[in-house]
Amino acid sequence: MTTNVTELGAASAALEAIAKISTGIFIDGEWREAASGARFDVVNPATEEVIATVADGGPEDARRAIETAGRVQKEWARTSPRERSEILRRAYELIMARQDELAHVMTAEMGKPFAEAKGEVAYAAEFFRWFSEEAVRIGGDLTTTGDGKNRILVSREPVGPCVLVTPWNFPLAMGTRKIGPAIAAGCTMVFKPANLTPLSSLALVDILVEAGLPAGVLNVVCTTKASEVVSPWMSSGIARKVSFTGSTAVGVRLLEQASEHVMRSSMELGGNAPFIVFEDADLDRAVEGAVAAKMRNMGEACTAANRLFVQRSVADEFARRLAARLGSLTVGDGAQPGTDVGPLVEEKALRKVQELVDDAVAKGAAVVCGGGRPEGRGYFYSPTVLSGVSADADLMTEEIFGPVAPVVPFDTEDEVVTLANDTPWGLVAYLFTQDVDRGFRVGDALEVGMVGLNTGIVSNPAAPFGGVKASGLGREGGRVGIEEFLEYKYMAVPRV
């Protein structure tokens, strides 16, 4: 395998950017080593090489972090909305000024193609810009009781110290989507990024410090032993809110822990998104929508199209076109120019995807394209289209989290709505039709928190992101995003 100058340049840029990142525990405005002195490796999934080591926090680090957040909360809550807004605005500008640098870091630690990583950096920055504007729009109310005897004065206050836990698949955006509204509302934070992709989050900490965030407002503990850090936060009695993005199983455990102190909870959990194509759909547009909904982040997204239901009269043609489109994508190291599909995040993820494909094929599915991993190092899996997938295939009920598109034919509108809703999850659904009435009718019938009508992308900082059923509680982003970090206070004032 030859290495060209461009590849060397990208690798050099990534290593140079990573070298600038502080890799310790961040508490009360200071970087320090973990109390145990332990560190863990961060691995590039494209090369399987170690690119950094990071302090591996434990219970003592967790205790210091949450105590700091509790101590600083009152002072931070007294800062003006404008001050908090300006911190977020400066952080937005710093992120955008370092877009390439941050994208190189992201590509190196989790495999996302560089162009897509740049897109995530801009998306992540937008949460800070959005919530910088929401910070100065926190409202209240003044009304009169029905009998006219009292004034009802309603104000909004920060909920208090927050526990923030983010996943590995969008390592920068998931951080800004939680940190942004917490800062805007006046909440202090303890933050645990994913141990597979901690570098983007740690780079974000340095940016927030440069933007003027006071010491103790944000405290960060990376760890390979999540329960040893998060459980002490949840049981501390100091934290008043938890915001988690990750698996439903972990979310359920956190909700159980939150119940001990009746903590406010936001949960963005798993998904099993249906992608529905009716026979009247513009197939070219539907195929491009499927590529966007399926292949974003190599399929490693809770919003990824998991079950592609296509009306029988166009199912074969859709599968053929989709296979041609996915088959044309270039798989490789995301740092290399022209790469469309990077590696999966780790070998365990690769094994799971292969097991799901093997199970579907054993139960009668046909491989239209892909179906295996290419030769060579790295955790790569070829974009795959399966047809004739049976209802009892495991990938119909489990999140695939990989570049595999199972195409399932259906006959009637009622049938596909039933199939789409036959899942404990309800995060997002995608729907392609040129019949406006059908679009709204089916969209209303789908048991999800978000619907993409003739589009494969729903995520936007200006929109309320979240699901129903086992996909979670609460919403992130949009005008309601800051509400998750605010409490109402009502004061009764007699009229005299």
Protein backbone atom coordinates (compact mmCIF):
# COMPACT_ATOMS: atom_id res chain seq x y z
CA MET A 1 0.00 0.00 0.00
CA THR A 2 1.51 3.32 -1.06
CA THR A 3 1.12 6.54 0.91
CA ASN A 4 0.86 9.80 -1.00
CA VAL A 5 1.78 13.30 0.08
CA THR A 6 -1.86 14.25 0.69
CA GLU A 7 -2.31 11.35 3.10
CA LEU A 8 0.85 12.32 4.96
CA GLY A 9 -0.36 15.91 5.12
CA ALA A 10 -3.71 14.89 6.61
CA ALA A 11 -2.05 12.58 9.15
CA SER A 12 0.40 15.31 10.11
CA ALA A 13 -2.39 17.86 10.50
CA ALA A 14 -4.32 15.46 12.74
CA LEU A 15 -1.34 14.69 14.95
CA GLU A 16 -0.47 18.39 15.20
CA ALA A 17 -4.03 19.21 16.23
CA ILE A 18 -4.17 16.35 18.74
CA ALA A 19 -0.87 17.47 20.30
CA LYS A 20 -2.50 20.79 21.27
CA ILE A 21 -5.31 19.13 23.24
CA SER A 22 -5.15 18.89 27.03
CA THR A 23 -5.80 15.25 27.95
CA GLY A 24 -6.27 15.36 31.71
CA ILE A 25 -9.19 15.70 34.09
CA PHE A 26 -10.65 19.24 34.06
CA ILE A 27 -11.95 20.42 37.45
CA ASP A 28 -12.45 23.96 38.75
CA GLY A 29 -10.69 25.47 35.76
CA GLU A 30 -7.54 23.35 36.06
CA TRP A 31 -6.18 20.36 34.18
CA ARG A 32 -4.86 17.55 36.35
CA GLU A 33 -4.07 13.87 36.17
CA ALA A 34 -6.60 11.32 37.36
CA ALA A 35 -6.38 10.63 41.09
CA SER A 36 -5.31 7.06 40.27
CA GLY A 37 -2.72 8.22 37.74
CA ALA A 38 -4.28 5.90 35.15
CA ARG A 39 -4.59 6.74 31.46
CA PHE A 40 -6.21 5.01 28.49
CA ASP A 41 -5.49 4.82 24.77
CA VAL A 42 -7.43 6.48 21.98
CA VAL A 43 -7.28 4.45 18.76
CA ASN A 44 -7.74 5.55 15.15
CA PRO A 45 -10.28 3.01 13.79
CA ALA A 46 -8.96 3.40 10.23
CA THR A 47 -5.39 2.45 11.11
CA GLU A 48 -5.85 0.68 14.48
CA GLU A 49 -3.02 2.87 15.79
CA VAL A 50 -2.94 4.66 19.16
CA ILE A 51 -3.11 8.42 18.58
CA ALA A 52 -3.32 9.70 22.17
CA THR A 53 -3.65 8.73 25.81
CA VAL A 54 -6.18 10.36 28.12
CA ALA A 55 -6.50 10.52 31.91
CA ASP A 56 -8.77 7.71 33.14
CA GLY A 57 -10.95 9.20 35.87
CA GLY A 58 -12.47 7.40 38.82
CA PRO A 59 -14.64 7.96 41.92
CA GLU A 60 -12.31 10.50 43.56
CA ASP A 61 -12.22 12.62 40.40
CA ALA A 62 -15.99 12.34 40.12
CA ARG A 63 -16.44 13.54 43.71
CA ARG A 64 -14.23 16.58 43.20
CA ALA A 65 -16.02 17.46 39.98
CA ILE A 66 -19.57 17.36 41.36
CA GLU A 67 -18.59 19.20 44.55
CA THR A 68 -17.06 21.94 42.43
CA ALA A 69 -20.19 22.22 40.29
CA GLY A 70 -22.33 22.47 43.43
CA ARG A 71 -20.12 25.13 45.00
CA VAL A 72 -20.05 27.35 41.90
CA GLN A 73 -23.75 27.03 41.01
CA LYS A 74 -25.13 30.03 42.92
CA GLU A 75 -22.49 32.43 41.67
CA TRP A 76 -22.85 31.25 38.08
CA ALA A 77 -26.65 31.51 38.22
CA ARG A 78 -26.29 35.19 39.16
CA THR A 79 -24.41 36.07 35.97
CA SER A 80 -26.36 38.11 33.46
CA PRO A 81 -28.00 36.44 30.47
CA ARG A 82 -25.94 38.72 28.22
CA GLU A 83 -22.67 37.55 29.78
CA ARG A 84 -23.62 33.91 29.24
CA SER A 85 -24.74 34.73 25.71
CA GLU A 86 -21.43 36.37 24.83
CA ILE A 87 -19.43 33.40 26.13
CA LEU A 88 -21.39 31.09 23.83
CA ARG A 89 -21.07 33.46 20.89
CA ARG A 90 -17.29 33.68 21.32
CA ALA A 91 -17.08 29.90 21.58
CA TYR A 92 -19.08 29.58 18.35
CA GLU A 93 -16.66 31.87 16.55
CA LEU A 94 -13.62 30.01 17.91
CA ILE A 95 -15.00 26.66 16.76
CA MET A 96 -15.65 27.97 13.27
CA ALA A 97 -12.18 29.51 13.12
CA ARG A 98 -10.74 26.06 13.91
CA GLN A 99 -13.09 24.03 11.76
CA ASP A 100 -10.38 22.19 9.83
CA GLU A 101 -8.31 21.50 12.94
CA LEU A 102 -11.28 20.07 14.86
CA ALA A 103 -12.35 18.03 11.84
CA HIS A 104 -8.90 16.44 11.62
CA VAL A 105 -9.16 15.44 15.28
CA MET A 106 -12.62 13.96 14.79
CA THR A 107 -11.61 11.99 11.71
CA ALA A 108 -8.60 10.57 13.51
CA GLU A 109 -10.43 9.45 16.64
CA MET A 110 -13.63 8.05 15.15
CA GLY A 111 -13.13 7.60 11.41
CA LYS A 112 -15.64 10.06 9.99
CA PRO A 113 -14.61 11.27 6.50
CA PHE A 114 -12.98 14.70 6.72
CA ALA A 115 -15.68 16.52 4.73
CA GLU A 116 -18.39 15.03 6.94
CA ALA A 117 -16.38 15.86 10.04
CA LYS A 118 -16.20 19.50 8.93
CA GLY A 119 -19.96 19.42 8.58
CA GLU A 120 -20.31 18.17 12.13
CA VAL A 121 -18.01 20.90 13.43
CA ALA A 122 -20.24 23.55 11.84
CA TYR A 123 -23.36 21.77 13.15
CA ALA A 124 -21.85 21.62 16.63
CA ALA A 125 -20.89 25.30 16.57
CA GLU A 126 -24.44 26.24 15.58
CA PHE A 127 -25.78 24.94 18.90
CA PHE A 128 -23.62 27.51 20.68
CA ARG A 129 -24.82 30.29 18.37
CA TRP A 130 -28.44 29.19 18.77
CA PHE A 131 -28.33 29.06 22.56
CA SER A 132 -26.37 32.30 22.77
CA GLU A 133 -29.51 33.86 21.31
CA GLU A 134 -31.85 31.90 23.59
CA ALA A 135 -29.94 32.95 26.72
CA VAL A 136 -31.26 36.51 26.49
CA ARG A 137 -34.82 35.37 25.74
CA ILE A 138 -35.57 33.48 28.96
CA GLY A 139 -39.00 34.77 29.81
CA GLY A 140 -41.52 34.91 32.62
CA ASP A 141 -45.14 35.92 33.10
CA LEU A 142 -47.32 38.28 35.09
CA THR A 143 -51.03 37.60 35.31
CA THR A 144 -53.89 37.99 37.77
CA THR A 145 -55.85 35.26 39.53
CA GLY A 146 -59.41 34.68 38.44
CA ASP A 147 -60.82 36.29 41.55
CA GLY A 148 -58.61 39.34 41.06
CA LYS A 149 -57.07 39.15 44.52
CA ASN A 150 -53.50 38.13 43.64
CA ARG A 151 -50.91 38.76 41.01
CA ILE A 152 -49.25 35.64 39.61
CA LEU A 153 -45.56 36.35 39.06
CA VAL A 154 -43.74 33.56 37.19
CA SER A 155 -39.96 33.57 36.76
CA ARG A 156 -37.45 31.06 35.39
CA GLU A 157 -34.41 29.80 37.24
CA PRO A 158 -31.59 27.40 36.33
CA VAL A 159 -32.35 23.85 37.39
CA GLY A 160 -28.92 23.53 39.02
CA PRO A 161 -25.85 21.34 38.55
CA CYS A 162 -26.23 18.99 35.59
CA VAL A 163 -24.80 15.59 34.72
CA LEU A 164 -24.04 15.42 30.99
CA VAL A 165 -23.14 12.11 29.32
CA THR A 166 -22.49 11.95 25.58
CA PRO A 167 -21.90 9.17 23.01
CA TRP A 168 -19.01 8.58 20.63
CA ASN A 169 -20.74 8.89 17.26
CA PHE A 170 -21.04 12.72 17.16
CA PRO A 171 -18.28 13.62 19.60
CA LEU A 172 -18.43 17.40 19.20
CA ALA A 173 -22.10 18.05 18.42
CA MET A 174 -23.45 15.94 21.27
CA GLY A 175 -21.35 18.00 23.65
CA THR A 176 -22.42 21.40 22.36
CA ARG A 177 -26.07 20.30 22.19
CA LYS A 178 -26.03 19.76 25.97
CA ILE A 179 -23.43 22.28 27.14
CA GLY A 180 -24.95 25.13 25.12
CA PRO A 181 -28.37 25.24 26.82
CA ALA A 182 -26.84 24.52 30.24
CA ILE A 183 -24.58 27.57 29.94
CA ALA A 184 -27.40 29.69 28.54
CA ALA A 185 -29.69 28.76 31.44
CA GLY A 186 -27.04 29.36 34.12
CA CYS A 187 -26.35 25.74 35.13
CA THR A 188 -23.01 24.30 36.18
CA MET A 189 -22.02 20.92 34.73
CA VAL A 190 -20.14 17.68 35.19
CA PHE A 191 -19.47 16.12 31.80
CA LYS A 192 -18.40 12.60 30.81
CA PRO A 193 -17.55 12.24 27.11
CA ALA A 194 -17.36 8.81 25.48
CA ASN A 195 -14.03 7.06 26.08
CA LEU A 196 -13.83 5.97 22.42
CA THR A 197 -13.82 9.59 21.23
CA PRO A 198 -12.75 11.95 24.03
CA LEU A 199 -10.42 14.23 22.07
CA SER A 200 -13.08 16.36 20.35
CA SER A 201 -14.75 17.00 23.71
CA LEU A 202 -11.47 17.88 25.39
CA ALA A 203 -10.66 20.31 22.58
CA LEU A 204 -14.04 21.91 23.21
CA VAL A 205 -13.12 22.52 26.86
CA ASP A 206 -10.08 24.56 25.88
CA ILE A 207 -12.25 26.59 23.49
CA LEU A 208 -14.78 27.38 26.22
CA VAL A 209 -12.00 28.47 28.59
CA GLU A 210 -10.65 30.75 25.89
CA ALA A 211 -14.18 32.10 25.35
CA GLY A 212 -14.31 33.17 29.01
CA LEU A 213 -16.24 30.41 30.78
CA PRO A 214 -15.49 30.82 34.51
CA ALA A 215 -13.68 28.13 36.47
CA GLY A 216 -15.90 25.43 37.92
CA VAL A 217 -18.85 25.92 35.58
CA LEU A 218 -17.81 22.98 33.38
CA ASN A 219 -15.97 20.01 34.92
CA VAL A 220 -14.91 17.09 32.72
CA VAL A 221 -13.96 13.54 33.63
CA CYS A 222 -13.12 11.05 30.89
CA THR A 223 -13.10 7.42 31.96
CA THR A 224 -13.16 3.83 30.80
CA LYS A 225 -15.27 2.94 33.88
CA ALA A 226 -18.41 4.98 33.31
CA SER A 227 -20.37 3.70 36.31
CA GLU A 228 -17.53 4.64 38.69
CA VAL A 229 -17.86 8.25 37.60
CA VAL A 230 -21.52 8.74 36.68
CA SER A 231 -23.05 6.78 39.59
CA PRO A 232 -21.37 9.00 42.23
CA TRP A 233 -22.69 12.05 40.39
CA MET A 234 -26.20 10.64 40.32
CA SER A 235 -26.18 9.67 44.02
CA SER A 236 -24.45 12.86 45.23
CA GLY A 237 -27.57 14.82 46.04
CA ILE A 238 -25.86 17.79 44.40
CA ALA A 239 -26.85 17.16 40.78
CA ARG A 240 -30.36 18.30 39.88
CA LYS A 241 -30.53 17.16 36.27
CA VAL A 242 -29.15 14.44 34.01
CA SER A 243 -28.95 14.69 30.23
CA PHE A 244 -27.90 11.48 28.50
CA THR A 245 -27.54 10.35 24.90
CA GLY A 246 -26.91 6.66 24.34
CA SER A 247 -28.52 3.26 24.56
CA THR A 248 -31.97 2.66 25.99
CA ALA A 249 -30.59 0.10 28.45
CA VAL A 250 -28.18 2.60 30.01
CA GLY A 251 -30.85 5.31 29.92
CA VAL A 252 -33.20 3.12 31.95
CA ARG A 253 -30.50 2.59 34.60
CA LEU A 254 -29.87 6.33 34.81
CA LEU A 255 -33.58 7.00 35.21
CA GLU A 256 -33.66 4.54 38.08
CA GLN A 257 -30.74 6.36 39.71
CA ALA A 258 -32.34 9.75 39.03
CA SER A 259 -35.46 8.69 40.90
CA GLU A 260 -33.52 8.57 44.20
CA HIS A 261 -33.21 12.37 44.24
CA VAL A 262 -36.09 13.14 41.83
CA MET A 263 -33.71 14.62 39.26
CA ARG A 264 -34.88 16.24 36.05
CA SER A 265 -34.04 13.90 33.19
CA SER A 266 -33.48 14.27 29.45
CA MET A 267 -32.91 11.01 27.59
CA GLU A 268 -32.07 10.70 23.89
CA LEU A 269 -31.94 6.94 23.47
CA GLY A 270 -32.04 4.28 20.78
CA GLY A 271 -33.88 4.26 17.47
CA ASN A 272 -35.18 1.86 14.85
CA ALA A 273 -36.09 4.32 12.13
CA PRO A 274 -38.43 3.25 9.34
CA PHE A 275 -37.78 4.67 5.87
CA ILE A 276 -40.97 4.46 3.80
CA VAL A 277 -41.10 4.82 0.02
CA PHE A 278 -44.51 4.86 -1.68
CA GLU A 279 -44.93 3.94 -5.33
CA ASP A 280 -45.64 7.55 -6.31
CA ALA A 281 -42.38 8.82 -4.80
CA ASP A 282 -39.65 10.44 -6.88
CA LEU A 283 -37.29 7.45 -6.74
CA ASP A 284 -34.14 9.45 -7.43
CA ARG A 285 -35.00 11.76 -4.58
CA ALA A 286 -35.88 8.79 -2.36
CA VAL A 287 -32.57 7.08 -3.11
CA GLU A 288 -30.63 10.23 -2.22
CA GLY A 289 -32.72 10.54 0.92
CA ALA A 290 -31.90 6.94 1.81
CA VAL A 291 -28.19 7.58 1.30
CA ALA A 292 -28.40 10.58 3.63
CA ALA A 293 -30.51 8.79 6.26
CA LYS A 294 -28.56 5.51 6.11
CA MET A 295 -24.96 6.51 5.45
CA ARG A 296 -24.48 9.55 7.67
CA ASN A 297 -21.62 8.66 9.98
CA MET A 298 -21.32 5.21 8.33
CA GLY A 299 -24.78 4.38 9.62
CA GLU A 300 -23.64 4.86 13.21
CA ALA A 301 -26.46 7.19 14.22
CA CYS A 302 -29.63 6.77 16.25
CA THR A 303 -31.42 8.57 13.39
CA ALA A 304 -30.12 6.14 10.76
CA ALA A 305 -32.71 4.50 8.52
CA ASN A 306 -32.84 0.97 9.92
CA ARG A 307 -35.79 -0.60 8.05
CA LEU A 308 -36.45 0.46 4.45
CA PHE A 309 -40.08 -0.28 3.56
CA VAL A 310 -40.72 0.16 -0.17
CA GLN A 311 -44.08 -0.34 -1.92
CA ARG A 312 -43.92 -3.63 -3.80
CA SER A 313 -44.37 -2.21 -7.31
CA VAL A 314 -41.15 -0.19 -7.01
CA ALA A 315 -39.22 -2.24 -4.43
CA ASP A 316 -36.91 -4.03 -6.88
CA GLU A 317 -36.15 -0.85 -8.83
CA PHE A 318 -35.47 1.08 -5.63
CA ALA A 319 -33.14 -1.64 -4.35
CA ARG A 320 -31.28 -1.68 -7.68
CA ARG A 321 -30.82 2.09 -7.72
CA LEU A 322 -29.81 2.20 -4.06
CA ALA A 323 -27.29 -0.60 -4.56
CA ALA A 324 -25.78 1.23 -7.54
CA ARG A 325 -25.52 4.41 -5.49
CA LEU A 326 -24.01 2.77 -2.40
CA GLY A 327 -21.74 0.63 -4.53
CA SER A 328 -20.25 3.78 -6.05
CA LEU A 329 -19.15 5.13 -2.66
CA THR A 330 -15.45 5.05 -1.82
CA VAL A 331 -14.59 3.24 1.41
CA GLY A 332 -11.37 4.22 3.15
CA ASP A 333 -9.53 6.25 5.74
CA GLY A 334 -11.58 9.39 6.28
CA ALA A 335 -8.40 11.47 6.20
CA GLN A 336 -7.86 10.59 2.54
CA PRO A 337 -9.42 12.90 -0.10
CA GLY A 338 -12.38 11.39 -1.90
CA THR A 339 -13.38 9.03 0.89
CA ASP A 340 -17.16 8.70 1.28
CA VAL A 341 -17.37 5.97 3.92
CA GLY A 342 -14.98 5.63 6.83
CA PRO A 343 -14.51 2.76 9.30
CA LEU A 344 -16.82 1.72 12.09
CA VAL A 345 -15.66 2.93 15.48
CA GLU A 346 -14.27 -0.35 16.86
CA GLU A 347 -13.91 -4.03 16.10
CA LYS A 348 -16.87 -4.96 18.31
CA ALA A 349 -19.13 -2.79 16.16
CA LEU A 350 -17.78 -4.44 13.04
CA ARG A 351 -18.51 -7.91 14.39
CA LYS A 352 -22.07 -6.95 15.31
CA VAL A 353 -22.85 -5.64 11.83
CA GLN A 354 -21.48 -8.80 10.21
CA GLU A 355 -23.52 -10.98 12.58
CA LEU A 356 -26.71 -9.10 11.69
CA VAL A 357 -26.06 -9.47 7.95
CA ASP A 358 -25.22 -13.16 8.31
CA ASP A 359 -28.42 -13.74 10.28
CA ALA A 360 -30.55 -11.97 7.65
CA VAL A 361 -28.97 -13.97 4.81
CA ALA A 362 -29.48 -17.23 6.72
CA LYS A 363 -33.17 -16.31 7.00
CA GLY A 364 -33.57 -15.75 3.25
CA ALA A 365 -32.25 -12.27 2.46
CA ALA A 366 -30.29 -11.68 -0.74
CA VAL A 367 -27.18 -9.49 -0.83
CA VAL A 368 -27.65 -6.92 -3.62
CA CYS A 369 -24.31 -5.24 -2.90
CA GLY A 370 -21.64 -5.38 -0.21
CA GLY A 371 -22.16 -7.92 2.52
CA GLY A 372 -18.70 -8.04 4.06
CA ARG A 373 -15.56 -6.18 5.10
CA PRO A 374 -12.83 -5.24 2.63
CA GLU A 375 -9.35 -6.62 3.09
CA GLY A 376 -6.74 -4.74 5.09
CA ARG A 377 -6.45 -3.07 8.45
CA GLY A 378 -9.13 -0.86 9.97
CA TYR A 379 -12.71 -1.53 11.03
CA PHE A 380 -14.28 -1.06 7.60
CA TYR A 381 -17.53 -2.56 6.33
CA SER A 382 -18.72 -2.28 2.74
CA PRO A 383 -22.00 -0.42 2.11
CA THR A 384 -24.62 -3.16 1.83
CA VAL A 385 -28.12 -3.51 0.42
CA LEU A 386 -30.22 -6.56 1.32
CA SER A 387 -33.47 -7.54 -0.37
CA GLY A 388 -36.09 -10.10 0.64
CA VAL A 389 -35.42 -9.56 4.34
CA SER A 390 -37.73 -11.63 6.53
CA ALA A 391 -39.64 -10.16 9.44
CA ASP A 392 -37.79 -12.40 11.92
CA ALA A 393 -34.32 -11.20 10.91
CA ASP A 394 -32.50 -9.71 13.90
CA LEU A 395 -31.71 -6.47 12.06
CA MET A 396 -35.43 -5.71 11.85
CA THR A 397 -35.60 -5.33 15.62
CA GLU A 398 -32.06 -4.23 16.55
CA GLU A 399 -30.22 -1.02 15.73
CA ILE A 400 -27.78 -1.91 12.96
CA PHE A 401 -25.37 0.98 13.56
CA GLY A 402 -23.58 0.28 10.30
CA PRO A 403 -23.85 0.83 6.53
CA VAL A 404 -26.48 -1.86 5.90
CA ALA A 405 -29.82 -1.13 4.21
CA PRO A 406 -32.46 -3.90 4.41
CA VAL A 407 -35.22 -3.37 1.81
CA VAL A 408 -38.64 -4.82 2.72
CA PRO A 409 -41.64 -4.64 0.33
CA PHE A 410 -45.13 -3.64 1.47
CA ASP A 411 -48.52 -3.42 -0.23
CA THR A 412 -50.82 -0.98 1.56
CA GLU A 413 -50.59 2.22 3.57
CA ASP A 414 -52.18 0.64 6.64
CA GLU A 415 -49.74 -2.27 6.44
CA VAL A 416 -46.64 -0.11 6.37
CA VAL A 417 -47.83 2.11 9.21
CA THR A 418 -48.34 -1.02 11.32
CA LEU A 419 -44.89 -2.34 10.36
CA ALA A 420 -43.23 1.01 11.05
CA ASN A 421 -44.82 1.33 14.49
CA ASP A 422 -44.09 -2.27 15.49
CA THR A 423 -41.05 -1.38 17.60
CA PRO A 424 -40.45 -0.20 21.17
CA TRP A 425 -38.55 2.81 19.79
CA GLY A 426 -39.95 5.98 18.29
CA LEU A 427 -37.24 8.48 17.46
CA VAL A 428 -37.58 9.34 13.77
CA ALA A 429 -39.23 8.11 10.57
CA TYR A 430 -38.66 9.03 6.93
CA LEU A 431 -41.46 9.17 4.37
CA PHE A 432 -41.29 9.68 0.60
CA THR A 433 -44.41 10.40 -1.43
CA GLN A 434 -45.60 13.08 -3.85
CA ASP A 435 -49.12 12.93 -2.39
CA VAL A 436 -49.30 15.77 0.14
CA ASP A 437 -52.40 14.38 1.84
CA ARG A 438 -50.77 10.99 2.24
CA GLY A 439 -47.61 12.60 3.57
CA PHE A 440 -49.45 14.33 6.39
CA ARG A 441 -51.79 11.40 7.02
CA VAL A 442 -48.99 8.86 7.38
CA GLY A 443 -46.76 11.32 9.20
CA ASP A 444 -49.51 11.81 11.79
CA ALA A 445 -49.93 8.05 12.19
CA LEU A 446 -46.26 7.28 12.80
CA GLU A 447 -45.35 6.90 16.48
CA VAL A 448 -42.17 8.95 16.46
CA GLY A 449 -40.88 12.28 17.71
CA MET A 450 -39.63 13.42 14.28
CA VAL A 451 -40.64 12.82 10.67
CA GLY A 452 -38.59 13.55 7.57
CA LEU A 453 -41.06 14.11 4.72
CA ASN A 454 -39.19 13.75 1.41
CA THR A 455 -35.89 14.36 3.18
CA GLY A 456 -33.32 12.10 4.77
CA ILE A 457 -32.04 14.68 7.28
CA VAL A 458 -34.00 15.97 10.27
CA SER A 459 -31.30 17.19 12.68
CA ASN A 460 -31.03 20.97 13.07
CA PRO A 461 -30.20 23.14 16.10
CA ALA A 462 -33.37 25.15 15.48
CA ALA A 463 -35.59 22.04 15.74
CA PRO A 464 -36.68 20.08 18.84
CA PHE A 465 -34.76 16.80 18.59
CA GLY A 466 -36.09 13.78 20.48
CA GLY A 467 -38.36 10.76 20.44
CA VAL A 468 -41.21 8.92 22.11
CA LYS A 469 -41.60 5.47 23.66
CA ALA A 470 -38.22 3.85 24.42
CA SER A 471 -36.40 6.51 22.40
CA GLY A 472 -36.37 8.93 25.27
CA LEU A 473 -37.69 11.88 27.23
CA GLY A 474 -37.45 15.59 26.55
CA ARG A 475 -36.12 17.52 23.57
CA GLU A 476 -32.76 19.02 22.61
CA GLY A 477 -32.44 22.07 20.38
CA GLY A 478 -35.14 24.40 19.14
CA ARG A 479 -36.95 26.91 21.28
CA VAL A 480 -37.76 24.21 23.84
CA GLY A 481 -34.14 23.05 24.25
CA ILE A 482 -33.35 25.55 26.99
CA GLU A 483 -36.56 24.66 28.84
CA GLU A 484 -34.99 21.35 29.89
CA PHE A 485 -32.48 23.34 32.00
CA LEU A 486 -34.92 25.78 33.63
CA GLU A 487 -37.40 25.57 36.49
CA TYR A 488 -40.54 27.66 36.97
CA LYS A 489 -40.93 29.69 40.13
CA TYR A 490 -44.34 31.16 40.95
CA MET A 491 -44.81 33.97 43.45
CA ALA A 492 -48.26 35.00 44.66
CA VAL A 493 -48.47 38.77 45.29
CA PRO A 494 -51.66 40.22 46.86
CA ARG A 495 -53.16 43.15 45.01
CA VAL A 496 -53.42 46.17 47.30
